[in-house]
Amino acid sequence: MASPAIQQMFVRIFDEVRNADLITRKLMQIEITTKQLAIFTAEYEELVAAQEQAQAAQAAQGHGHGQAQGQGHQGMGDESGA
C-alpha cells in the first residue's frame, strides 16, 4: 500500500488534471514527457561516467586487456559508425 504522502499527492494531482481543460492537459503531458527524457538522459550520463571510471580504474591497475579507450558505448545520436 502506498504511503500517505504518495496518496495525498495522487489525489491532489488527479484533481488538478480532472479540473484542467484539454489544452492544459496536453501541456501537462508535454511537461511530464520532457521531465522523463531529462531523467533518462541524466541516468544515461551517470551510467556512462560510471563505466568510464571503472574502465579507467582497470587500466590503472593494468587490467585493460588491450581494449581501446572509449569503446563499448556510443553517445546518444552518434551515428559516426554508420
N, C-alpha and C. Protein backbone atom coordinates (compact mmCIF):
# COMPACT_ATOMS: atom_id res chain seq x y z
N MET A 1 0.84 -1.19 0.00
CA MET A 1 0.00 0.00 0.00
C MET A 1 0.88 1.24 0.00
N ALA A 2 0.48 2.22 -0.75
CA ALA A 2 1.26 3.46 -0.89
C ALA A 2 1.25 4.25 0.41
N SER A 3 2.31 5.00 0.60
CA SER A 3 2.41 5.83 1.80
C SER A 3 1.36 6.95 1.73
N PRO A 4 0.99 7.50 2.89
CA PRO A 4 0.02 8.60 2.90
C PRO A 4 0.46 9.80 2.06
N ALA A 5 1.76 10.09 2.05
CA ALA A 5 2.25 11.23 1.27
C ALA A 5 2.01 11.00 -0.22
N ILE A 6 2.25 9.77 -0.70
CA ILE A 6 2.02 9.46 -2.11
C ILE A 6 0.53 9.49 -2.43
N GLN A 7 -0.28 8.97 -1.53
CA GLN A 7 -1.73 9.01 -1.74
C GLN A 7 -2.23 10.44 -1.83
N GLN A 8 -1.76 11.31 -0.94
CA GLN A 8 -2.17 12.71 -0.97
C GLN A 8 -1.73 13.38 -2.27
N MET A 9 -0.51 13.08 -2.70
CA MET A 9 -0.01 13.66 -3.94
C MET A 9 -0.86 13.18 -5.12
N PHE A 10 -1.19 11.91 -5.15
CA PHE A 10 -2.01 11.38 -6.24
C PHE A 10 -3.38 12.06 -6.29
N VAL A 11 -4.02 12.20 -5.15
CA VAL A 11 -5.34 12.82 -5.10
C VAL A 11 -5.26 14.27 -5.57
N ARG A 12 -4.23 14.99 -5.10
CA ARG A 12 -4.06 16.39 -5.49
C ARG A 12 -3.84 16.52 -7.00
N ILE A 13 -2.96 15.70 -7.53
CA ILE A 13 -2.66 15.79 -8.96
C ILE A 13 -3.84 15.31 -9.80
N PHE A 14 -4.52 14.27 -9.35
CA PHE A 14 -5.69 13.78 -10.09
C PHE A 14 -6.76 14.85 -10.15
N ASP A 15 -6.99 15.54 -9.04
CA ASP A 15 -7.97 16.63 -9.04
C ASP A 15 -7.53 17.76 -9.98
N GLU A 16 -6.23 18.06 -9.98
CA GLU A 16 -5.71 19.10 -10.86
C GLU A 16 -5.94 18.73 -12.33
N VAL A 17 -5.68 17.49 -12.68
CA VAL A 17 -5.86 17.04 -14.06
C VAL A 17 -7.34 17.00 -14.42
N ARG A 18 -8.15 16.51 -13.52
CA ARG A 18 -9.58 16.41 -13.78
C ARG A 18 -10.20 17.79 -14.02
N ASN A 19 -9.70 18.81 -13.35
CA ASN A 19 -10.26 20.15 -13.47
C ASN A 19 -9.64 20.97 -14.60
N ALA A 20 -8.61 20.44 -15.25
CA ALA A 20 -7.93 21.17 -16.32
C ALA A 20 -8.66 20.98 -17.64
N ASP A 21 -8.55 21.98 -18.52
CA ASP A 21 -9.12 21.83 -19.86
C ASP A 21 -8.16 21.02 -20.72
N LEU A 22 -8.59 20.68 -21.93
CA LEU A 22 -7.82 19.81 -22.80
C LEU A 22 -6.44 20.37 -23.14
N ILE A 23 -6.36 21.66 -23.43
CA ILE A 23 -5.08 22.27 -23.77
C ILE A 23 -4.12 22.21 -22.58
N THR A 24 -4.62 22.50 -21.40
CA THR A 24 -3.79 22.44 -20.20
C THR A 24 -3.31 21.01 -19.96
N ARG A 25 -4.19 20.03 -20.18
CA ARG A 25 -3.78 18.63 -20.03
C ARG A 25 -2.67 18.26 -21.01
N LYS A 26 -2.78 18.73 -22.24
CA LYS A 26 -1.73 18.45 -23.22
C LYS A 26 -0.41 19.09 -22.80
N LEU A 27 -0.47 20.31 -22.28
CA LEU A 27 0.74 20.96 -21.78
C LEU A 27 1.34 20.18 -20.61
N MET A 28 0.47 19.63 -19.76
CA MET A 28 0.95 18.79 -18.65
C MET A 28 1.67 17.56 -19.19
N GLN A 29 1.11 16.95 -20.24
CA GLN A 29 1.74 15.77 -20.84
C GLN A 29 3.11 16.11 -21.42
N ILE A 30 3.20 17.26 -22.08
CA ILE A 30 4.48 17.69 -22.65
C ILE A 30 5.51 17.89 -21.53
N GLU A 31 5.08 18.53 -20.46
CA GLU A 31 5.99 18.76 -19.34
C GLU A 31 6.46 17.44 -18.73
N ILE A 32 5.54 16.52 -18.54
CA ILE A 32 5.88 15.21 -17.96
C ILE A 32 6.85 14.47 -18.86
N THR A 33 6.58 14.46 -20.16
CA THR A 33 7.45 13.77 -21.11
C THR A 33 8.83 14.39 -21.12
N THR A 34 8.90 15.71 -21.06
CA THR A 34 10.18 16.41 -21.03
C THR A 34 10.97 16.04 -19.78
N LYS A 35 10.29 15.98 -18.65
CA LYS A 35 10.97 15.59 -17.40
C LYS A 35 11.46 14.15 -17.47
N GLN A 36 10.65 13.26 -18.06
CA GLN A 36 11.07 11.86 -18.20
C GLN A 36 12.33 11.77 -19.07
N LEU A 37 12.34 12.50 -20.18
CA LEU A 37 13.51 12.50 -21.05
C LEU A 37 14.74 13.03 -20.30
N ALA A 38 14.56 14.07 -19.52
CA ALA A 38 15.67 14.62 -18.75
C ALA A 38 16.19 13.60 -17.74
N ILE A 39 15.29 12.88 -17.08
CA ILE A 39 15.69 11.84 -16.12
C ILE A 39 16.44 10.73 -16.83
N PHE A 40 15.91 10.24 -17.97
CA PHE A 40 16.57 9.18 -18.72
C PHE A 40 17.96 9.62 -19.17
N THR A 41 18.07 10.86 -19.63
CA THR A 41 19.35 11.38 -20.10
C THR A 41 20.35 11.47 -18.96
N ALA A 42 19.92 11.98 -17.82
CA ALA A 42 20.80 12.09 -16.66
C ALA A 42 21.27 10.71 -16.20
N GLU A 43 20.35 9.74 -16.17
CA GLU A 43 20.72 8.38 -15.77
C GLU A 43 21.70 7.76 -16.76
N TYR A 44 21.47 8.00 -18.05
CA TYR A 44 22.39 7.50 -19.08
C TYR A 44 23.79 8.09 -18.88
N GLU A 45 23.85 9.40 -18.66
CA GLU A 45 25.14 10.05 -18.46
C GLU A 45 25.85 9.51 -17.22
N GLU A 46 25.09 9.24 -16.16
CA GLU A 46 25.68 8.69 -14.94
C GLU A 46 26.21 7.28 -15.18
N LEU A 47 25.47 6.47 -15.95
CA LEU A 47 25.94 5.12 -16.27
C LEU A 47 27.21 5.15 -17.10
N VAL A 48 27.25 6.03 -18.11
CA VAL A 48 28.44 6.15 -18.95
C VAL A 48 29.62 6.60 -18.11
N ALA A 49 29.42 7.58 -17.25
CA ALA A 49 30.50 8.07 -16.40
C ALA A 49 31.01 6.96 -15.47
N ALA A 50 30.10 6.19 -14.91
CA ALA A 50 30.49 5.09 -14.02
C ALA A 50 31.27 4.03 -14.79
N GLN A 51 30.82 3.74 -16.01
CA GLN A 51 31.52 2.77 -16.85
C GLN A 51 32.93 3.26 -17.19
N GLU A 52 33.04 4.52 -17.55
CA GLU A 52 34.34 5.09 -17.88
C GLU A 52 35.27 5.10 -16.68
N GLN A 53 34.73 5.38 -15.48
CA GLN A 53 35.54 5.35 -14.27
C GLN A 53 36.02 3.94 -13.98
N ALA A 54 35.15 2.96 -14.17
CA ALA A 54 35.53 1.56 -13.94
C ALA A 54 36.61 1.13 -14.92
N GLN A 55 36.47 1.54 -16.20
CA GLN A 55 37.48 1.20 -17.19
C GLN A 55 38.81 1.88 -16.88
N ALA A 56 38.76 3.11 -16.42
CA ALA A 56 39.98 3.83 -16.06
C ALA A 56 40.66 3.17 -14.87
N ALA A 57 39.87 2.73 -13.91
CA ALA A 57 40.43 2.06 -12.74
C ALA A 57 41.07 0.74 -13.14
N GLN A 58 40.43 0.00 -14.05
CA GLN A 58 41.01 -1.25 -14.53
C GLN A 58 42.32 -0.99 -15.27
N ALA A 59 42.33 0.04 -16.12
CA ALA A 59 43.53 0.38 -16.87
C ALA A 59 44.66 0.79 -15.93
N ALA A 60 44.33 1.52 -14.89
CA ALA A 60 45.33 1.96 -13.92
C ALA A 60 45.93 0.79 -13.16
N GLN A 61 45.14 -0.28 -13.01
CA GLN A 61 45.61 -1.47 -12.31
C GLN A 61 46.29 -2.46 -13.27
N GLY A 62 46.34 -2.09 -14.56
CA GLY A 62 46.98 -2.95 -15.52
C GLY A 62 46.08 -4.05 -16.05
N HIS A 63 44.77 -3.89 -15.91
CA HIS A 63 43.82 -4.90 -16.37
C HIS A 63 43.03 -4.42 -17.58
N GLY A 64 43.63 -3.57 -18.39
CA GLY A 64 42.92 -3.01 -19.54
C GLY A 64 42.66 -4.02 -20.64
N HIS A 65 43.41 -5.13 -20.69
CA HIS A 65 43.24 -6.19 -21.69
C HIS A 65 43.31 -5.66 -23.10
N GLY A 66 44.02 -4.57 -23.35
CA GLY A 66 44.23 -4.06 -24.69
C GLY A 66 43.02 -3.41 -25.33
N GLN A 67 41.95 -3.21 -24.60
CA GLN A 67 40.74 -2.59 -25.17
C GLN A 67 40.98 -1.10 -25.33
N ALA A 68 40.66 -0.59 -26.50
CA ALA A 68 40.83 0.85 -26.76
C ALA A 68 39.88 1.65 -25.89
N GLN A 69 40.39 2.75 -25.37
CA GLN A 69 39.55 3.60 -24.53
C GLN A 69 38.41 4.19 -25.35
N GLY A 70 37.23 4.22 -24.77
CA GLY A 70 36.08 4.81 -25.43
C GLY A 70 35.25 3.78 -26.17
N GLN A 71 35.74 2.56 -26.33
CA GLN A 71 34.93 1.54 -26.99
C GLN A 71 33.94 1.00 -25.99
N GLY A 72 32.87 0.39 -26.52
CA GLY A 72 31.89 -0.24 -25.64
C GLY A 72 30.60 0.53 -25.54
N HIS A 73 30.60 1.79 -25.96
CA HIS A 73 29.34 2.55 -25.95
C HIS A 73 29.43 3.65 -27.00
N GLN A 74 28.29 4.04 -27.47
CA GLN A 74 28.20 5.18 -28.37
C GLN A 74 27.37 6.23 -27.69
N GLY A 75 27.71 7.48 -27.92
CA GLY A 75 26.91 8.56 -27.37
C GLY A 75 25.56 8.62 -28.05
N MET A 76 24.59 9.21 -27.39
CA MET A 76 23.26 9.33 -27.98
C MET A 76 23.35 10.14 -29.25
N GLY A 77 22.80 9.61 -30.32
CA GLY A 77 22.77 10.32 -31.58
C GLY A 77 24.07 10.22 -32.35
N ASP A 78 25.03 9.47 -31.85
CA ASP A 78 26.32 9.31 -32.53
C ASP A 78 26.17 8.26 -33.61
N GLU A 79 26.16 8.72 -34.85
CA GLU A 79 25.99 7.80 -35.95
C GLU A 79 27.27 7.72 -36.78
N SER A 80 28.40 8.07 -36.17
CA SER A 80 29.65 8.10 -36.90
C SER A 80 30.06 6.71 -37.37
N GLY A 81 29.61 5.68 -36.69
CA GLY A 81 29.93 4.31 -37.09
C GLY A 81 29.00 3.77 -38.14
N ALA A 82 27.99 4.53 -38.54
CA ALA A 82 27.01 4.02 -39.50
C ALA A 82 27.47 4.29 -40.92
